[in-house]
Structure formats: C-alpha cells, structure tokens
Amino acid sequence: MPQVVPEPPSHLYTAEEKRYGFLDIYTGYFRHVANTANEVNELGSDLETLSPDERRTRRLLHENEKWDEEYYM
C-alpha cells in the first residue's frame, strides 16, 4: 500500500488580530499608528488582521514597487 505524508495543518487562528514579532508575542501595535509615517506602516492599516503569509506577500510587493536602482548607483 502506498504511503503519503500529509501536509502539516495550517495555523488555526480564532482571533481577528494576528500576532507578530519575536515569538509572535505582539499584537495591537498597528491599531493606533496607521497615520504615523514610517516604513512599517506603509503596508496599510489592516496589518493587524493579515496572516503572516499575507503580510510577507504585501511587504515583498511593496519593496519591489519601491525599488529604485538609481538610488544605489
């Protein structure tokens, strides 16, 4: 009989807010700083509700859009 290793289950999130930071111990930081201008907040005000994969995808898209080769020349 063939054996197949199952995929690991995705994380089960029951709360609307997602944890982030070292050991996923932070939450709520981006709730009140959406209007503050810095590189972290450029990704949008809904960072609290995005999964880690969605945050990573959004960060990579933002970095690629903002990339300017002339800046580093």
Foldseek 3Di string as FASTA:
>chain_A
DDDDDDDDDDDDDDDQFFFDDDVSPDADPLQPCCVPDDDVNVLDSSNRRDDPVVSVVSNVVVCVVPDDPVVVD
